[in-house]
C-alpha atoms as a PDB file:
ATOM      1  CA  MET A   1       0.000   0.000   0.000  1.00  0.00           C
ATOM      2  CA  ASP A   2       2.819   2.418   0.821  1.00  0.00           C
ATOM      3  CA  LEU A   3       4.377   1.915  -2.614  1.00  0.00           C
ATOM      4  CA  LYS A   4       1.124   2.880  -4.342  1.00  0.00           C
ATOM      5  CA  VAL A   5       0.784   6.020  -2.239  1.00  0.00           C
ATOM      6  CA  GLY A   6       4.376   7.009  -2.949  1.00  0.00           C
ATOM      7  CA  PHE A   7       3.901   6.439  -6.671  1.00  0.00           C
ATOM      8  CA  ALA A   8       0.695   8.508  -6.638  1.00  0.00           C
ATOM      9  CA  ILE A   9       2.445  11.384  -4.868  1.00  0.00           C
ATOM     10  CA  VAL A  10       5.359  11.383  -7.329  1.00  0.00           C
ATOM     11  CA  TYR A  11       2.938  11.215 -10.259  1.00  0.00           C
ATOM     12  CA  LEU A  12       0.843  14.117  -8.953  1.00  0.00           C
ATOM     13  CA  CYS A  13       3.946  16.250  -8.311  1.00  0.00           C
ATOM     14  CA  ALA A  14       5.228  15.619 -11.841  1.00  0.00           C
ATOM     15  CA  LEU A  15       1.810  16.470 -13.251  1.00  0.00           C
ATOM     16  CA  ALA A  16       1.632  19.695 -11.223  1.00  0.00           C
ATOM     17  CA  ILE A  17       5.102  20.815 -12.345  1.00  0.00           C
ATOM     18  CA  SER A  18       4.453  20.130 -16.017  1.00  0.00           C
ATOM     19  CA  SER A  19       1.077  21.888 -16.014  1.00  0.00           C
ATOM     20  CA  THR A  20       2.350  25.021 -14.251  1.00  0.00           C
ATOM     21  CA  GLU A  21       5.143  25.593 -16.774  1.00  0.00           C
ATOM     22  CA  ALA A  22       2.539  26.449 -19.402  1.00  0.00           C
ATOM     23  CA  GLY A  23       1.073  29.099 -17.092  1.00  0.00           C
ATOM     24  CA  ILE A  24       4.337  30.943 -16.497  1.00  0.00           C
ATOM     25  CA  PRO A  25       4.612  33.884 -18.917  1.00  0.00           C
ATOM     26  CA  LYS A  26       7.829  34.432 -20.835  1.00  0.00           C
ATOM     27  CA  CYS A  27       8.883  37.957 -19.966  1.00  0.00           C
ATOM     28  CA  CYS A  28      11.713  40.302 -20.788  1.00  0.00           C
ATOM     29  CA  PHE A  29      13.599  41.216 -17.627  1.00  0.00           C
ATOM     30  CA  SER A  30      16.056  43.553 -19.338  1.00  0.00           C
ATOM     31  CA  VAL A  31      16.186  45.338 -22.683  1.00  0.00           C
ATOM     32  CA  LYS A  32      18.917  46.155 -25.175  1.00  0.00           C
ATOM     33  CA  MET A  33      19.318  49.576 -26.756  1.00  0.00           C
ATOM     34  CA  ASP A  34      22.075  48.846 -29.242  1.00  0.00           C
ATOM     35  CA  ILE A  35      20.937  46.182 -31.696  1.00  0.00           C
ATOM     36  CA  PRO A  36      22.999  45.999 -34.906  1.00  0.00           C
ATOM     37  CA  LEU A  37      21.345  46.901 -38.181  1.00  0.00           C
ATOM     38  CA  HIS A  38      22.038  43.481 -39.692  1.00  0.00           C
ATOM     39  CA  VAL A  39      20.002  41.936 -36.861  1.00  0.00           C
ATOM     40  CA  LEU A  40      17.127  44.407 -37.223  1.00  0.00           C
ATOM     41  CA  VAL A  41      16.862  43.585 -40.927  1.00  0.00           C
ATOM     42  CA  ARG A  42      16.239  39.906 -40.040  1.00  0.00           C
ATOM     43  CA  VAL A  43      13.249  40.630 -37.759  1.00  0.00           C
ATOM     44  CA  GLN A  44      10.371  38.389 -38.844  1.00  0.00           C
ATOM     45  CA  ARG A  45       7.821  39.682 -36.359  1.00  0.00           C
ATOM     46  CA  TRP A  46       7.686  41.731 -33.211  1.00  0.00           C
ATOM     47  CA  SER A  47       5.334  42.378 -30.318  1.00  0.00           C
ATOM     48  CA  VAL A  48       5.143  44.814 -27.436  1.00  0.00           C
ATOM     49  CA  GLN A  49       5.354  43.654 -23.830  1.00  0.00           C
ATOM     50  CA  GLN A  50       3.340  45.901 -21.558  1.00  0.00           C
ATOM     51  CA  SER A  51       4.481  46.570 -18.004  1.00  0.00           C
ATOM     52  CA  ARG A  52       1.488  44.888 -16.415  1.00  0.00           C
ATOM     53  CA  GLY A  53       1.104  41.718 -14.393  1.00  0.00           C
ATOM     54  CA  ALA A  54       4.055  39.336 -14.225  1.00  0.00           C
ATOM     55  CA  CYS A  55       6.047  41.209 -16.880  1.00  0.00           C
ATOM     56  CA  ASP A  56       7.079  44.379 -15.090  1.00  0.00           C
ATOM     57  CA  ILE A  57       8.984  46.318 -17.806  1.00  0.00           C
ATOM     58  CA  PRO A  58       7.833  47.566 -21.214  1.00  0.00           C
ATOM     59  CA  ALA A  59       9.789  45.949 -24.031  1.00  0.00           C
ATOM     60  CA  LEU A  60       9.804  45.280 -27.741  1.00  0.00           C
ATOM     61  CA  ILE A  61      10.066  41.525 -28.327  1.00  0.00           C
ATOM     62  CA  LEU A  62      11.873  40.842 -31.601  1.00  0.00           C
ATOM     63  CA  HIS A  63      11.640  37.431 -33.257  1.00  0.00           C
ATOM     64  CA  ILE A  64      14.731  37.136 -35.448  1.00  0.00           C
ATOM     65  CA  LYS A  65      15.109  34.733 -38.365  1.00  0.00           C
ATOM     66  CA  GLY A  66      17.700  32.104 -37.445  1.00  0.00           C
ATOM     67  CA  LEU A  67      17.530  32.662 -33.662  1.00  0.00           C
ATOM     68  CA  ARG A  68      15.586  30.410 -31.307  1.00  0.00           C
ATOM     69  CA  LYS A  69      15.114  32.972 -28.537  1.00  0.00           C
ATOM     70  CA  PRO A  70      13.637  36.413 -29.145  1.00  0.00           C
ATOM     71  CA  ILE A  71      15.572  39.575 -28.358  1.00  0.00           C
ATOM     72  CA  CYS A  72      14.195  42.073 -25.851  1.00  0.00           C
ATOM     73  CA  ALA A  73      14.686  45.619 -27.112  1.00  0.00           C
ATOM     74  CA  HIS A  74      13.849  49.015 -25.699  1.00  0.00           C
ATOM     75  CA  LEU A  75      10.546  50.481 -26.923  1.00  0.00           C
ATOM     76  CA  LYS A  76      12.432  53.440 -28.417  1.00  0.00           C
ATOM     77  CA  LEU A  77      13.605  51.091 -31.189  1.00  0.00           C
ATOM     78  CA  LYS A  78      10.034  50.526 -32.383  1.00  0.00           C
ATOM     79  CA  ARG A  79       9.965  53.628 -34.597  1.00  0.00           C
ATOM     80  CA  ALA A  80      13.342  52.813 -36.166  1.00  0.00           C
ATOM     81  CA  LEU A  81      12.291  49.204 -36.743  1.00  0.00           C
ATOM     82  CA  MET A  82       9.044  50.235 -38.427  1.00  0.00           C
ATOM     83  CA  ALA A  83      10.889  52.695 -40.684  1.00  0.00           C
ATOM     84  CA  LEU A  84      13.466  50.045 -41.598  1.00  0.00           C
ATOM     85  CA  GLN A  85      10.769  47.471 -42.405  1.00  0.00           C
ATOM     86  CA  ALA A  86       8.919  50.008 -44.579  1.00  0.00           C
ATOM     87  CA  ARG A  87      12.146  50.822 -46.446  1.00  0.00           C
ATOM     88  CA  VAL A  88      12.876  47.122 -47.032  1.00  0.00           C
ATOM     89  CA  LYS A  89       9.319  46.566 -48.254  1.00  0.00           C
ATOM     90  CA  ARG A  90       9.571  49.495 -50.689  1.00  0.00           C
ATOM     91  CA  SER A  91      12.882  48.265 -52.055  1.00  0.00           C
ATOM     92  CA  ARG A  92      11.426  44.785 -52.645  1.00  0.00           C
ATOM     93  CA  GLN A  93       8.462  46.256 -54.542  1.00  0.00           C
ATOM     94  CA  THR A  94      10.661  48.290 -56.879  1.00  0.00           C
ATOM     95  CA  ALA A  95      13.088  45.442 -57.567  1.00  0.00           C
END
């Protein structure tokens, strides 16, 4: 009987740990200001992290082609990134 109880406890602990990992948000804890231009050109998509809830700093989350982990950038880079993406889009249309 004790073996079954021990197995049940281990099973429930493993289940609790695996289910709580999905509930933990992935947040930026620090941001970079100086991101090279060759990296900014490879941005596939980006999103804004608000400073609410578990994520306590505002950040620009950049998903870069060829990198597994996103880069956390300062929100001031948003305007430059949007201008760069518009310029790249225009150059692709004229080519």
